[in-house]
Amino acid sequence: MLQYTKNIEVVIDVLWIVNMGVQCTTSFVKDVDVITDLREIALKYLKEGFIIDTITTFPSLCTLYSVSDIYYIKILRLYYISKSQRIIKVQIQSLEQRLNISKQTIYKIDYFMSILVIVFVMIHSVSCVWLFIGEQYDLSWIKHPNLGINIIYGAIELEDGSMIADRTTKYITAFYWAVTTLATVGYGDVKGFTWQEYCFNMFVEFIGIAFFSFVMGSINNIFLVDSSNKELV
């Protein structure tokens, strides 16, 4: 798996190392003062993200991506989701002055983008776990001899003559399953066949109830804010 995405992983990790250098030299605001002292900047970075950046970047580079289990450490980079949302928030708020957009519209765009990031990360994470489970068991939704997607969408022939689906097809199918399950639709065209898949399926369905309610409530909140402002006018 790592060999398949090795070039992309190398680029990402190299960029991550460059980002580590930038983090060590970029000034920051503390209270009302701009801190430019490199020692204070480095100490701040050491306390915040240095450890996570180090253990999620260098082990895979040092082993030349030959140890697949090390790759799972990179899940710790989810730590930066909240930081990415803050960056998006700053960029959106800058539109108020550059494009003369009202604060109400800025709030809606910011709120919507925050929801979008959370939704995508949630769906992607569920998709990855569903993929992992499917690759582990012979009677799974991927490898089932009659109904698995390797049989239905098999496009790559192995040395023993068997066919398997390509990685893109597997991921898109897993993503589709995650969307339909979290949205509490569950068409049933992609389903598990092992007890491990059944357990995860039930877990995602329960999470899906809360997830769907959260998304619908968040979208409804945007329109409620708009309605309340109109009533004030």
Protein backbone atom coordinates (compact mmCIF):
# COMPACT_ATOMS: atom_id res chain seq x y z
CA MET A 1 0.00 0.00 0.00
CA LEU A 2 2.78 2.43 0.92
CA GLN A 3 4.67 1.65 -2.28
CA TYR A 4 1.57 2.62 -4.24
CA THR A 5 1.47 6.08 -2.68
CA LYS A 6 5.18 6.42 -1.90
CA ASN A 7 5.84 9.43 -4.14
CA ILE A 8 2.88 11.33 -2.70
CA GLU A 9 3.94 10.45 0.85
CA VAL A 10 7.50 11.66 0.21
CA VAL A 11 6.22 15.01 -1.09
CA ILE A 12 3.88 15.43 1.89
CA ASP A 13 6.56 14.55 4.44
CA VAL A 14 9.13 16.86 2.82
CA LEU A 15 6.59 19.69 2.87
CA TRP A 16 5.87 18.85 6.50
CA ILE A 17 9.58 19.20 7.33
CA VAL A 18 9.65 22.56 5.55
CA ASN A 19 6.61 23.57 7.60
CA MET A 20 8.46 22.56 10.78
CA GLY A 21 11.23 24.99 9.83
CA VAL A 22 8.69 27.72 9.15
CA GLN A 23 7.01 27.09 12.52
CA CYS A 24 10.35 27.56 14.27
CA THR A 25 10.95 30.96 12.66
CA THR A 26 7.47 32.52 12.35
CA SER A 27 6.54 35.26 14.80
CA PHE A 28 3.30 35.08 16.77
CA VAL A 29 1.05 37.39 18.74
CA LYS A 30 0.99 37.10 22.53
CA ASP A 31 -1.61 39.31 24.18
CA VAL A 32 -1.01 42.49 22.14
CA ASP A 33 2.71 42.00 21.46
CA VAL A 34 4.30 40.45 18.38
CA ILE A 35 6.91 37.94 19.51
CA THR A 36 9.92 37.81 17.18
CA ASP A 37 12.47 36.24 19.52
CA LEU A 38 13.51 32.91 17.95
CA ARG A 39 13.95 31.25 21.34
CA GLU A 40 10.39 32.03 22.42
CA ILE A 41 9.06 30.99 19.00
CA ALA A 42 10.91 27.67 19.19
CA LEU A 43 9.71 27.03 22.75
CA LYS A 44 6.11 27.70 21.71
CA TYR A 45 6.42 25.24 18.82
CA LEU A 46 8.05 22.61 21.06
CA LYS A 47 5.06 22.81 23.43
CA GLU A 48 2.43 22.70 20.68
CA GLY A 49 3.20 20.54 17.66
CA PHE A 50 6.88 19.60 17.48
CA ILE A 51 6.48 16.13 19.03
CA ILE A 52 3.54 15.21 16.79
CA ASP A 53 5.31 16.51 13.68
CA THR A 54 8.46 14.57 14.52
CA ILE A 55 6.90 11.17 15.21
CA THR A 56 4.52 11.40 12.22
CA THR A 57 7.18 12.46 9.71
CA PHE A 58 10.68 11.10 10.39
CA PRO A 59 10.00 7.40 11.16
CA SER A 60 8.43 6.77 7.75
CA LEU A 61 11.17 8.73 5.98
CA CYS A 62 13.96 6.96 7.86
CA THR A 63 12.55 3.52 7.00
CA LEU A 64 11.92 4.56 3.37
CA TYR A 65 8.24 3.61 3.79
CA SER A 66 9.14 -0.08 4.04
CA VAL A 67 7.32 -0.62 7.36
CA SER A 68 3.61 -0.22 6.74
CA ASP A 69 2.62 -0.26 10.42
CA ILE A 70 4.50 3.01 11.01
CA TYR A 71 2.09 4.72 8.64
CA TYR A 72 -0.74 4.48 11.18
CA ILE A 73 1.14 6.92 13.43
CA LYS A 74 0.23 9.64 10.95
CA ILE A 75 -3.32 9.57 12.28
CA LEU A 76 -1.99 11.88 15.02
CA ARG A 77 -1.99 14.65 12.41
CA LEU A 78 -5.71 14.92 13.03
CA TYR A 79 -4.51 17.18 15.84
CA TYR A 80 -4.19 19.93 13.23
CA ILE A 81 -7.86 19.89 12.21
CA SER A 82 -8.73 22.62 14.71
CA LYS A 83 -5.74 24.66 13.54
CA SER A 84 -6.80 24.32 9.90
CA GLN A 85 -10.25 25.56 10.86
CA ARG A 86 -8.69 28.63 12.50
CA ILE A 87 -6.69 29.32 9.34
CA ILE A 88 -9.84 29.01 7.21
CA LYS A 89 -11.63 31.33 9.64
CA VAL A 90 -8.94 34.02 9.31
CA GLN A 91 -8.99 33.79 5.51
CA ILE A 92 -12.78 34.04 5.38
CA GLN A 93 -12.85 37.00 7.75
CA SER A 94 -10.36 38.83 5.52
CA LEU A 95 -13.02 38.77 2.78
CA GLU A 96 -15.05 41.28 4.78
CA GLN A 97 -12.61 44.08 3.98
CA ARG A 98 -11.37 42.90 0.58
CA LEU A 99 -14.79 42.21 -0.96
CA ASN A 100 -16.96 44.37 1.32
CA ILE A 101 -19.07 41.41 2.45
CA SER A 102 -21.38 41.81 5.43
CA LYS A 103 -20.49 40.23 8.78
CA GLN A 104 -23.63 38.12 8.63
CA THR A 105 -22.54 36.56 5.33
CA ILE A 106 -19.01 36.05 6.67
CA TYR A 107 -20.45 34.25 9.68
CA LYS A 108 -22.48 31.94 7.44
CA ILE A 109 -19.52 31.11 5.21
CA ASP A 110 -17.27 30.50 8.21
CA TYR A 111 -19.85 28.32 9.95
CA PHE A 112 -20.53 26.33 6.78
CA MET A 113 -16.82 25.73 6.09
CA SER A 114 -16.28 24.54 9.66
CA ILE A 115 -19.11 22.04 9.27
CA LEU A 116 -17.73 20.94 5.90
CA VAL A 117 -14.29 20.16 7.37
CA ILE A 118 -15.80 18.15 10.23
CA VAL A 119 -18.11 16.23 7.88
CA PHE A 120 -15.32 15.34 5.44
CA VAL A 121 -12.91 14.21 8.17
CA MET A 122 -15.63 12.11 9.77
CA ILE A 123 -16.62 10.43 6.51
CA HIS A 124 -12.99 9.88 5.47
CA SER A 125 -12.11 8.34 8.86
CA VAL A 126 -15.07 5.95 8.76
CA SER A 127 -14.19 5.04 5.16
CA CYS A 128 -10.62 4.17 6.12
CA VAL A 129 -11.70 1.92 9.00
CA TRP A 130 -14.27 0.20 6.75
CA LEU A 131 -11.52 -0.37 4.18
CA PHE A 132 -9.15 -1.72 6.81
CA ILE A 133 -11.72 -4.22 8.08
CA GLY A 134 -12.57 -5.28 4.54
CA GLU A 135 -8.92 -6.08 3.76
CA GLN A 136 -8.46 -8.21 6.87
CA TYR A 137 -11.06 -10.95 6.39
CA ASP A 138 -11.67 -13.39 3.54
CA LEU A 139 -15.48 -13.13 3.64
CA SER A 140 -15.60 -9.34 3.92
CA TRP A 141 -17.36 -6.83 1.68
CA ILE A 142 -14.15 -6.70 -0.39
CA LYS A 143 -13.07 -10.36 -0.53
CA HIS A 144 -16.36 -12.26 -0.41
CA PRO A 145 -16.13 -14.97 -3.13
CA ASN A 146 -19.54 -14.16 -4.60
CA LEU A 147 -20.61 -10.68 -3.50
CA GLY A 148 -17.34 -8.89 -2.72
CA ILE A 149 -16.31 -5.89 -4.81
CA ASN A 150 -13.19 -7.78 -5.93
CA ILE A 151 -15.57 -10.02 -7.88
CA ILE A 152 -17.94 -7.27 -9.00
CA TYR A 153 -15.36 -4.63 -9.93
CA GLY A 154 -12.23 -6.76 -10.36
CA ALA A 155 -9.87 -4.91 -12.71
CA ILE A 156 -6.41 -6.12 -11.63
CA GLU A 157 -5.35 -9.71 -12.23
CA LEU A 158 -3.00 -11.32 -9.71
CA GLU A 159 -0.42 -14.04 -10.37
CA ASP A 160 -2.84 -16.77 -9.26
CA GLY A 161 -5.39 -15.59 -11.81
CA SER A 162 -7.76 -13.99 -9.29
CA MET A 163 -9.12 -10.50 -9.84
CA ILE A 164 -9.16 -7.63 -7.37
CA ALA A 165 -10.65 -4.15 -7.50
CA ASP A 166 -8.26 -1.23 -7.81
CA ARG A 167 -7.60 1.02 -4.81
CA THR A 168 -9.59 3.94 -6.20
CA THR A 169 -12.68 1.78 -6.59
CA LYS A 170 -12.28 0.43 -3.06
CA TYR A 171 -11.95 3.88 -1.53
CA ILE A 172 -14.85 5.40 -3.46
CA THR A 173 -17.04 2.42 -2.52
CA ALA A 174 -16.02 2.76 1.15
CA PHE A 175 -16.66 6.52 1.00
CA TYR A 176 -20.09 5.88 -0.53
CA TRP A 177 -20.89 3.35 2.22
CA ALA A 178 -19.80 5.83 4.91
CA VAL A 179 -21.97 8.61 3.46
CA THR A 180 -25.10 6.48 3.17
CA THR A 181 -24.62 4.96 6.64
CA LEU A 182 -23.84 8.19 8.47
CA ALA A 183 -26.74 9.89 6.68
CA THR A 184 -28.98 7.10 8.08
CA VAL A 185 -30.01 6.09 4.53
CA GLY A 186 -28.21 2.75 4.24
CA TYR A 187 -29.22 1.41 0.82
CA GLY A 188 -27.71 -1.99 1.59
CA ASP A 189 -26.00 -2.42 -1.79
CA VAL A 190 -22.63 -2.37 0.01
CA LYS A 191 -22.73 -4.46 3.18
CA GLY A 192 -20.56 -6.58 5.43
CA PHE A 193 -20.62 -10.34 5.82
CA THR A 194 -18.48 -10.96 8.91
CA TRP A 195 -19.33 -10.33 12.56
CA GLN A 196 -16.55 -7.71 12.71
CA GLU A 197 -18.23 -5.79 9.91
CA TYR A 198 -21.63 -6.15 11.56
CA CYS A 199 -20.27 -4.69 14.83
CA PHE A 200 -18.65 -1.75 13.07
CA ASN A 201 -21.77 -1.24 10.96
CA MET A 202 -23.95 -1.00 14.08
CA PHE A 203 -21.46 1.39 15.69
CA VAL A 204 -21.48 3.69 12.66
CA GLU A 205 -25.29 3.60 12.51
CA PHE A 206 -25.52 4.80 16.11
CA ILE A 207 -22.89 7.47 15.43
CA GLY A 208 -24.79 8.35 12.25
CA ILE A 209 -27.89 9.31 14.23
CA ALA A 210 -25.94 11.90 16.23
CA PHE A 211 -23.88 12.92 13.20
CA PHE A 212 -26.92 13.51 10.98
CA SER A 213 -28.66 15.43 13.76
CA PHE A 214 -25.56 17.60 14.25
CA VAL A 215 -25.28 18.44 10.54
CA MET A 216 -28.99 19.20 10.15
CA GLY A 217 -29.01 21.26 13.35
CA SER A 218 -25.96 23.23 12.22
CA ILE A 219 -27.47 24.02 8.82
CA ASN A 220 -30.75 24.97 10.48
CA ASN A 221 -28.84 27.29 12.83
CA ILE A 222 -27.53 29.26 9.84
CA PHE A 223 -31.07 29.96 8.63
CA LEU A 224 -32.31 30.72 12.16
CA VAL A 225 -29.66 33.42 12.51
CA ASP A 226 -30.80 34.91 9.21
CA SER A 227 -34.46 34.82 10.27
CA SER A 228 -33.77 36.38 13.66
CA ASN A 229 -31.84 39.23 12.05
CA LYS A 230 -34.72 39.92 9.66
CA GLU A 231 -37.16 40.06 12.57
CA LEU A 232 -34.93 42.62 14.32
CA VAL A 233 -34.97 44.76 11.20
